[in-house]
């Protein structure tokens, strides 16, 4: 099956590299239609992709008769309407995470998609990082014994004077960094340990000062702007309203305890410690993505046994993972690749984490949390 693809949010930080990978997979797919909010970028993208249609109306893309696969890369708050339209038309779907503005939306979207029998995929890319794949193998081999605790640090520092983007706006972003990066980290732990969280207790806040407001600017442009020093030309600043820091204590099934620390504040820098720690009854494992190592620690060992994991570098994720996974789902086959069900599961966790940050108490993770929307 060759896919005719429509991309929503085609010229943003996520949509741009996705389009490149799709273009480089001509046997799998062709780009038919593009949606975007900025005409300058959209016209250039249309020529680059040789798209039949470029438009600021996402409905025209979803309804296009030659489009059978929609890629949703728009801001979080705009996912639901497009996904529900895809489901109504029975179109295949790739939806960025977090898949909805909140868990209630995520549940509604997943329910609608699974009734169609259409293919679906959610880009939880960390599952494919070589050191994470190797860590999962070690866990499955039982080398660590019974897992007792997990620690995950995910710092994604931004330039100090980077302009304001939609990710800083709590009316558009689903729980800020707690959902943006937290969903990736949580999905990785669920996949690696084959378990799910039962409750969370969070501290989250906004650490970044007000940011220069330069209008509609995508994340790649904002990062470049912040690094260039152009912020001195901007007189108007806009306060950040979405979390950019979160410390989330959690419990997983089988009594596993954990801590997830996420941030895109400029003050928390990555690489100081391994990203992931897994502690078992027999041994512990440190997973370092930056250095591409996994280090096994036996009881009483303070140095560890370091294993360097070969990383072949960037691959075409669409040809290697996405398109095969979609075809498997369309054929009714089981696949280990992430889908809308995993997106919903991750959003239950991040919603509960956001609720806990506001309530200052433990939140039990269950579908019942859908009735408790966290404050804006």
Protein backbone atom coordinates (compact mmCIF):
# COMPACT_ATOMS: atom_id res chain seq x y z
CA UNK A 1 0.00 0.00 0.00
CA UNK A 2 1.35 3.40 -1.01
CA UNK A 3 0.17 6.26 1.17
CA UNK A 4 -1.11 9.60 -0.08
CA UNK A 5 -0.15 11.94 2.74
CA UNK A 6 -1.56 15.17 4.08
CA UNK A 7 0.46 17.01 6.73
CA UNK A 8 -1.17 19.36 9.25
CA UNK A 9 1.30 21.82 10.76
CA UNK A 10 3.62 21.07 7.85
CA UNK A 11 6.22 23.81 8.32
CA UNK A 12 6.84 23.64 12.07
CA UNK A 13 9.66 22.19 14.13
CA UNK A 14 8.15 18.69 13.90
CA UNK A 15 6.48 18.75 10.51
CA UNK A 16 9.53 19.92 8.55
CA UNK A 17 11.82 16.92 9.29
CA UNK A 18 8.87 14.54 8.96
CA UNK A 19 8.23 15.81 5.45
CA UNK A 20 11.86 15.27 4.52
CA UNK A 21 11.75 11.65 5.67
CA UNK A 22 8.51 11.09 3.74
CA UNK A 23 10.02 12.60 0.59
CA UNK A 24 12.95 10.22 0.97
CA UNK A 25 10.53 7.24 1.03
CA UNK A 26 9.02 7.47 -2.49
CA UNK A 27 8.13 3.77 -2.64
CA UNK A 28 6.06 4.10 0.54
CA UNK A 29 4.34 7.43 0.13
CA UNK A 30 3.88 10.73 -1.66
CA UNK A 31 2.94 14.06 -0.13
CA UNK A 32 -0.36 15.30 -1.57
CA UNK A 33 -1.47 18.22 0.61
CA UNK A 34 -0.02 20.54 3.22
CA UNK A 35 -1.56 22.73 5.90
CA UNK A 36 0.20 25.55 7.74
CA UNK A 37 -0.44 28.93 9.33
CA UNK A 38 2.33 30.93 7.61
CA UNK A 39 1.95 31.38 3.89
CA UNK A 40 5.64 32.15 3.27
CA UNK A 41 6.80 28.84 4.71
CA UNK A 42 3.85 26.95 3.29
CA UNK A 43 4.43 28.01 -0.32
CA UNK A 44 8.10 27.01 -0.08
CA UNK A 45 7.17 23.64 1.46
CA UNK A 46 4.62 22.99 -1.29
CA UNK A 47 7.26 23.44 -3.97
CA UNK A 48 9.73 21.31 -2.07
CA UNK A 49 7.22 18.47 -1.67
CA UNK A 50 5.54 18.95 -5.07
CA UNK A 51 2.24 18.98 -3.20
CA UNK A 52 -1.04 19.37 -5.07
CA UNK A 53 -2.57 21.54 -2.35
CA UNK A 54 -1.24 24.03 0.19
CA UNK A 55 -3.77 25.68 2.49
CA UNK A 56 -4.36 27.22 5.89
CA UNK A 57 -7.61 25.19 6.19
CA UNK A 58 -6.81 21.78 7.68
CA UNK A 59 -10.20 20.41 6.62
CA UNK A 60 -9.25 20.69 2.95
CA UNK A 61 -6.24 18.47 3.63
CA UNK A 62 -8.13 15.84 5.63
CA UNK A 63 -10.98 15.75 3.08
CA UNK A 64 -8.72 15.57 0.01
CA UNK A 65 -9.74 12.48 -2.00
CA UNK A 66 -6.14 11.44 -2.73
CA UNK A 67 -5.09 11.66 0.93
CA UNK A 68 -5.46 8.44 2.92
CA UNK A 69 -2.92 9.18 5.70
CA UNK A 70 -2.93 12.31 7.84
CA UNK A 71 0.09 13.47 9.85
CA UNK A 72 -1.01 15.72 12.72
CA UNK A 73 1.81 18.07 13.84
CA UNK A 74 -0.25 21.04 14.97
CA UNK A 75 -0.17 22.41 18.55
CA UNK A 76 -1.69 20.11 21.19
CA UNK A 77 -5.02 21.90 21.56
CA UNK A 78 -5.77 21.51 17.83
CA UNK A 79 -5.32 17.74 17.56
CA UNK A 80 -8.75 16.54 18.63
CA UNK A 81 -10.89 18.07 15.91
CA UNK A 82 -8.60 16.86 13.13
CA UNK A 83 -8.26 13.35 14.59
CA UNK A 84 -12.01 13.00 15.00
CA UNK A 85 -12.49 14.07 11.38
CA UNK A 86 -9.91 11.47 10.27
CA UNK A 87 -11.79 8.81 12.22
CA UNK A 88 -15.11 9.83 10.68
CA UNK A 89 -13.58 9.43 7.21
CA UNK A 90 -11.70 6.23 8.10
CA UNK A 91 -8.31 7.74 7.23
CA UNK A 92 -5.05 6.43 8.61
CA UNK A 93 -3.34 8.61 11.18
CA UNK A 94 -0.01 9.68 12.62
CA UNK A 95 -0.61 11.95 15.61
CA UNK A 96 2.08 13.78 17.53
CA UNK A 97 2.17 13.44 21.29
CA UNK A 98 0.61 14.50 23.56
CA UNK A 99 -2.26 13.34 21.41
CA UNK A 100 -4.82 15.64 23.03
CA UNK A 101 -5.12 18.72 25.19
CA UNK A 102 -6.00 16.42 28.09
CA UNK A 103 -6.74 12.77 28.88
CA UNK A 104 -10.47 13.17 28.27
CA UNK A 105 -9.78 14.23 24.71
CA UNK A 106 -7.18 11.48 24.31
CA UNK A 107 -9.70 8.83 25.36
CA UNK A 108 -12.32 10.15 22.96
CA UNK A 109 -9.79 10.19 20.10
CA UNK A 110 -8.50 6.69 20.79
CA UNK A 111 -12.03 5.30 21.04
CA UNK A 112 -12.94 6.87 17.70
CA UNK A 113 -9.81 5.69 15.89
CA UNK A 114 -9.89 2.08 17.08
CA UNK A 115 -13.48 1.62 15.87
CA UNK A 116 -12.40 2.41 12.30
CA UNK A 117 -9.78 -0.31 11.85
CA UNK A 118 -7.51 2.37 10.35
CA UNK A 119 -3.76 2.41 10.86
CA UNK A 120 -2.46 4.69 13.59
CA UNK A 121 0.94 5.67 14.98
CA UNK A 122 2.23 7.99 17.72
CA UNK A 123 5.90 9.05 17.42
CA UNK A 124 7.42 7.92 20.72
CA UNK A 125 10.89 7.89 19.15
CA UNK A 126 12.86 7.13 22.32
CA UNK A 127 11.88 3.48 21.98
CA UNK A 128 14.25 3.25 19.03
CA UNK A 129 17.34 4.82 20.62
CA UNK A 130 20.02 2.08 20.62
CA UNK A 131 20.94 2.44 24.32
CA UNK A 132 17.26 2.21 25.28
CA UNK A 133 16.81 -0.89 23.13
CA UNK A 134 19.84 -2.44 24.82
CA UNK A 135 18.56 -1.50 28.29
CA UNK A 136 15.26 -3.21 27.54
CA UNK A 137 17.12 -6.35 26.48
CA UNK A 138 19.05 -6.37 29.77
CA UNK A 139 15.84 -5.98 31.77
CA UNK A 140 14.19 -8.82 29.83
CA UNK A 141 17.20 -11.07 30.43
CA UNK A 142 16.59 -10.73 34.17
CA UNK A 143 20.11 -9.50 34.89
CA UNK A 144 18.82 -6.77 37.22
CA UNK A 145 16.51 -9.12 39.09
CA UNK A 146 13.18 -7.69 40.19
CA UNK A 147 13.01 -3.99 39.34
CA UNK A 148 12.55 -1.91 42.49
CA UNK A 149 13.09 1.71 41.37
CA UNK A 150 13.52 3.89 38.28
CA UNK A 151 14.87 7.41 37.81
CA UNK A 152 14.50 9.36 34.56
CA UNK A 153 16.10 12.78 33.95
CA UNK A 154 15.20 14.59 30.75
CA UNK A 155 16.61 18.10 30.51
CA UNK A 156 16.04 19.91 27.24
CA UNK A 157 17.48 23.39 27.91
CA UNK A 158 16.42 26.27 25.67
CA UNK A 159 18.36 29.51 25.06
CA UNK A 160 17.87 32.01 27.87
CA UNK A 161 16.29 34.70 25.68
CA UNK A 162 14.42 32.51 23.24
CA UNK A 163 11.17 34.09 21.98
CA UNK A 164 7.72 32.97 23.10
CA UNK A 165 6.19 30.04 21.16
CA UNK A 166 2.92 28.16 21.50
CA UNK A 167 4.67 25.63 23.79
CA UNK A 168 4.85 28.40 26.39
CA UNK A 169 1.09 29.01 26.26
CA UNK A 170 -0.99 26.90 28.65
CA UNK A 171 -4.14 27.48 26.59
CA UNK A 172 -2.56 25.62 23.66
CA UNK A 173 0.09 23.36 25.23
CA UNK A 174 -1.05 20.29 27.15
CA UNK A 175 0.61 20.70 30.59
CA UNK A 176 3.80 22.18 29.14
CA UNK A 177 6.98 20.17 29.65
CA UNK A 178 5.14 17.68 31.88
CA UNK A 179 3.22 16.46 28.82
CA UNK A 180 5.68 17.34 26.05
CA UNK A 181 8.75 15.52 27.36
CA UNK A 182 7.05 13.65 30.21
CA UNK A 183 4.98 11.64 27.73
CA UNK A 184 8.15 10.48 25.95
CA UNK A 185 9.86 9.49 29.18
CA UNK A 186 6.83 7.71 30.60
CA UNK A 187 6.23 5.76 27.40
CA UNK A 188 9.88 4.67 27.41
CA UNK A 189 9.64 3.35 30.97
CA UNK A 190 6.36 1.51 30.26
CA UNK A 191 7.89 -0.07 27.17
CA UNK A 192 11.17 -0.90 28.88
CA UNK A 193 9.71 -2.32 32.11
CA UNK A 194 6.41 -3.63 30.70
CA UNK A 195 4.36 -1.95 33.39
CA UNK A 196 2.29 1.16 34.05
CA UNK A 197 1.98 3.78 36.77
CA UNK A 198 -0.67 3.60 39.46
CA UNK A 199 -0.28 7.03 41.09
CA UNK A 200 1.81 10.22 40.93
CA UNK A 201 2.85 13.12 43.14
CA UNK A 202 4.23 16.20 41.37
CA UNK A 203 5.95 19.51 41.85
CA UNK A 204 5.88 21.63 38.70
CA UNK A 205 6.45 25.29 38.02
CA UNK A 206 7.53 27.93 35.52
CA UNK A 207 11.22 28.78 35.86
CA UNK A 208 11.76 30.83 32.71
CA UNK A 209 11.26 34.60 32.77
CA UNK A 210 8.97 36.38 30.31
CA UNK A 211 10.07 35.86 26.71
CA UNK A 212 10.29 38.21 23.73
CA UNK A 213 7.03 38.21 21.77
CA UNK A 214 7.87 38.26 18.06
CA UNK A 215 4.57 36.85 16.77
CA UNK A 216 4.06 33.55 14.98
CA UNK A 217 7.43 31.84 15.11
CA UNK A 218 8.16 28.12 15.12
CA UNK A 219 10.46 26.42 17.61
CA UNK A 220 13.43 26.10 15.23
CA UNK A 221 13.26 29.82 14.45
CA UNK A 222 12.85 30.66 18.14
CA UNK A 223 15.91 28.64 19.17
CA UNK A 224 17.97 30.26 16.41
CA UNK A 225 16.71 33.69 17.43
CA UNK A 226 17.60 33.09 21.09
CA UNK A 227 21.10 31.97 20.19
CA UNK A 228 21.73 34.96 17.91
CA UNK A 229 21.24 37.79 20.43
CA UNK A 230 18.43 39.41 18.39
CA UNK A 231 16.31 39.57 21.54
CA UNK A 232 17.78 43.00 22.28
CA UNK A 233 15.64 44.42 19.44
CA UNK A 234 12.35 43.32 21.00
CA UNK A 235 10.66 45.66 23.47
CA UNK A 236 7.62 43.53 24.36
CA UNK A 237 7.90 40.40 26.51
CA UNK A 238 5.23 37.80 27.15
CA UNK A 239 5.04 35.74 30.35
CA UNK A 240 5.36 31.96 30.10
CA UNK A 241 2.20 30.24 31.36
CA UNK A 242 2.98 26.54 30.69
CA UNK A 243 5.15 24.43 33.00
CA UNK A 244 8.80 24.28 31.99
CA UNK A 245 9.90 22.20 35.00
CA UNK A 246 8.46 19.12 36.64
CA UNK A 247 9.57 16.71 39.35
CA UNK A 248 7.22 13.73 39.39
CA UNK A 249 7.32 10.94 41.95
CA UNK A 250 5.39 7.88 40.85
CA UNK A 251 4.61 4.28 41.65
CA UNK A 252 4.39 1.55 39.05
CA UNK A 253 2.70 -1.83 39.23
CA UNK A 254 4.55 -4.50 41.24
CA UNK A 255 5.60 -1.88 43.82
CA UNK A 256 8.22 -0.11 41.69
CA UNK A 257 8.92 3.46 42.82
CA UNK A 258 10.29 6.17 40.60
CA UNK A 259 11.18 9.77 39.94
CA UNK A 260 10.84 11.66 36.67
CA UNK A 261 12.59 15.03 36.34
CA UNK A 262 11.79 17.01 33.18
CA UNK A 263 12.72 20.53 32.14
CA UNK A 264 13.27 22.83 29.19
CA UNK A 265 14.35 25.69 31.43
CA UNK A 266 17.70 27.20 30.37
CA UNK A 267 19.08 26.61 33.87
CA UNK A 268 18.92 22.79 33.94
CA UNK A 269 21.54 21.34 31.62
CA UNK A 270 21.80 17.80 30.33
CA UNK A 271 24.66 15.32 30.43
CA UNK A 272 25.62 15.73 34.09
CA UNK A 273 24.28 12.28 35.01
CA UNK A 274 22.86 9.25 33.18
CA UNK A 275 19.42 9.90 31.78
CA UNK A 276 17.91 6.70 33.16
CA UNK A 277 18.66 4.62 36.26
CA UNK A 278 17.06 1.21 36.77
CA UNK A 279 17.58 -0.41 40.16
CA UNK A 280 16.83 -4.09 40.66
CA UNK A 281 17.13 -6.63 43.44
CA UNK A 282 20.34 -8.03 41.88
CA UNK A 283 21.95 -5.10 40.04
CA UNK A 284 21.44 -1.56 38.73
CA UNK A 285 21.74 -0.09 35.24
CA UNK A 286 22.62 3.44 34.11
CA UNK A 287 21.55 4.49 30.61
CA UNK A 288 23.41 7.45 29.06
CA UNK A 289 22.05 8.59 25.71
CA UNK A 290 24.66 11.30 25.19
CA UNK A 291 27.62 8.92 25.54
CA UNK A 292 25.69 5.92 24.14
CA UNK A 293 26.55 3.70 27.09
CA UNK A 294 24.79 1.35 29.47
CA UNK A 295 26.61 0.69 32.73
CA UNK A 296 25.84 -2.31 34.93
CA UNK A 297 26.44 -1.92 38.66
CA UNK A 298 26.63 -4.94 40.94
CA UNK A 299 25.99 -4.49 44.70
CA UNK A 300 28.94 -2.71 46.28
CA UNK A 301 30.40 -1.68 42.90
CA UNK A 302 30.89 2.08 42.55
CA UNK A 303 32.45 2.12 39.06
CA UNK A 304 30.32 -0.28 37.05
CA UNK A 305 30.82 -2.33 33.89
CA UNK A 306 30.48 0.03 30.92
CA UNK A 307 29.13 -1.17 27.60
CA UNK A 308 29.32 1.13 24.59
CA UNK A 309 26.30 0.68 22.34
CA UNK A 310 26.82 1.29 18.64
CA UNK A 311 24.63 4.08 17.35
CA UNK A 312 24.39 4.12 13.53
CA UNK A 313 23.14 7.69 13.60
CA UNK A 314 19.95 9.09 12.09
CA UNK A 315 17.76 6.70 10.12
CA UNK A 316 14.63 7.32 8.09
CA UNK A 317 12.11 6.68 10.83
CA UNK A 318 9.16 6.67 8.49
CA UNK A 319 10.44 3.98 6.13
CA UNK A 320 11.97 1.92 8.94
CA UNK A 321 9.27 2.12 11.62
CA UNK A 322 6.18 4.13 10.75
CA UNK A 323 5.06 2.75 7.40
CA UNK A 324 5.65 -0.94 8.31
CA UNK A 325 3.77 -0.40 11.58
CA UNK A 326 0.82 1.21 9.80
CA UNK A 327 0.63 -1.62 7.29
CA UNK A 328 0.65 -4.18 10.10
CA UNK A 329 -2.21 -2.44 11.88
CA UNK A 330 -4.21 -2.07 8.67
CA UNK A 331 -3.79 -5.82 8.13
CA UNK A 332 -5.04 -6.48 11.67
CA UNK A 333 -1.65 -7.69 12.87
CA UNK A 334 -0.15 -7.06 16.30
CA UNK A 335 2.72 -4.57 16.37
CA UNK A 336 4.99 -3.36 19.17
CA UNK A 337 5.22 0.08 17.62
CA UNK A 338 3.44 2.89 19.49
CA UNK A 339 -0.09 3.89 18.58
CA UNK A 340 -3.01 5.94 19.83
CA UNK A 341 -3.52 3.50 22.70
CA UNK A 342 -0.02 4.32 23.95
CA UNK A 343 -0.73 8.01 23.48
CA UNK A 344 -3.83 7.71 25.65
CA UNK A 345 -1.95 5.77 28.34
CA UNK A 346 0.80 8.41 28.43
CA UNK A 347 -1.76 11.21 28.67
CA UNK A 348 -3.45 9.59 31.64
CA UNK A 349 -0.07 9.81 33.37
CA UNK A 350 0.77 13.39 32.36
CA UNK A 351 -2.74 14.65 33.17
CA UNK A 352 -2.53 13.08 36.62
CA UNK A 353 0.93 14.62 37.08
CA UNK A 354 -0.39 18.08 36.17
CA UNK A 355 -3.38 17.65 38.50
CA UNK A 356 -1.04 16.66 41.31
CA UNK A 357 1.09 19.76 40.77
CA UNK A 358 -1.98 21.95 41.30
CA UNK A 359 -3.52 19.89 44.10
CA UNK A 360 -0.32 19.17 46.02
CA UNK A 361 -1.31 15.56 46.66
CA UNK A 362 -1.02 12.04 45.25
CA UNK A 363 -3.29 11.39 42.25
CA UNK A 364 -4.38 7.86 41.43
CA UNK A 365 -4.09 7.10 37.71
CA UNK A 366 -7.27 5.66 36.27
CA UNK A 367 -9.90 6.56 33.67
CA UNK A 368 -11.74 8.29 36.52
CA UNK A 369 -9.16 11.08 36.37
CA UNK A 370 -10.81 12.13 33.12
CA UNK A 371 -13.47 13.88 35.15
CA UNK A 372 -10.92 16.11 36.89
CA UNK A 373 -9.51 18.58 34.41
CA UNK A 374 -6.48 20.42 35.73
CA UNK A 375 -6.73 24.22 35.95
CA UNK A 376 -5.40 26.36 33.07
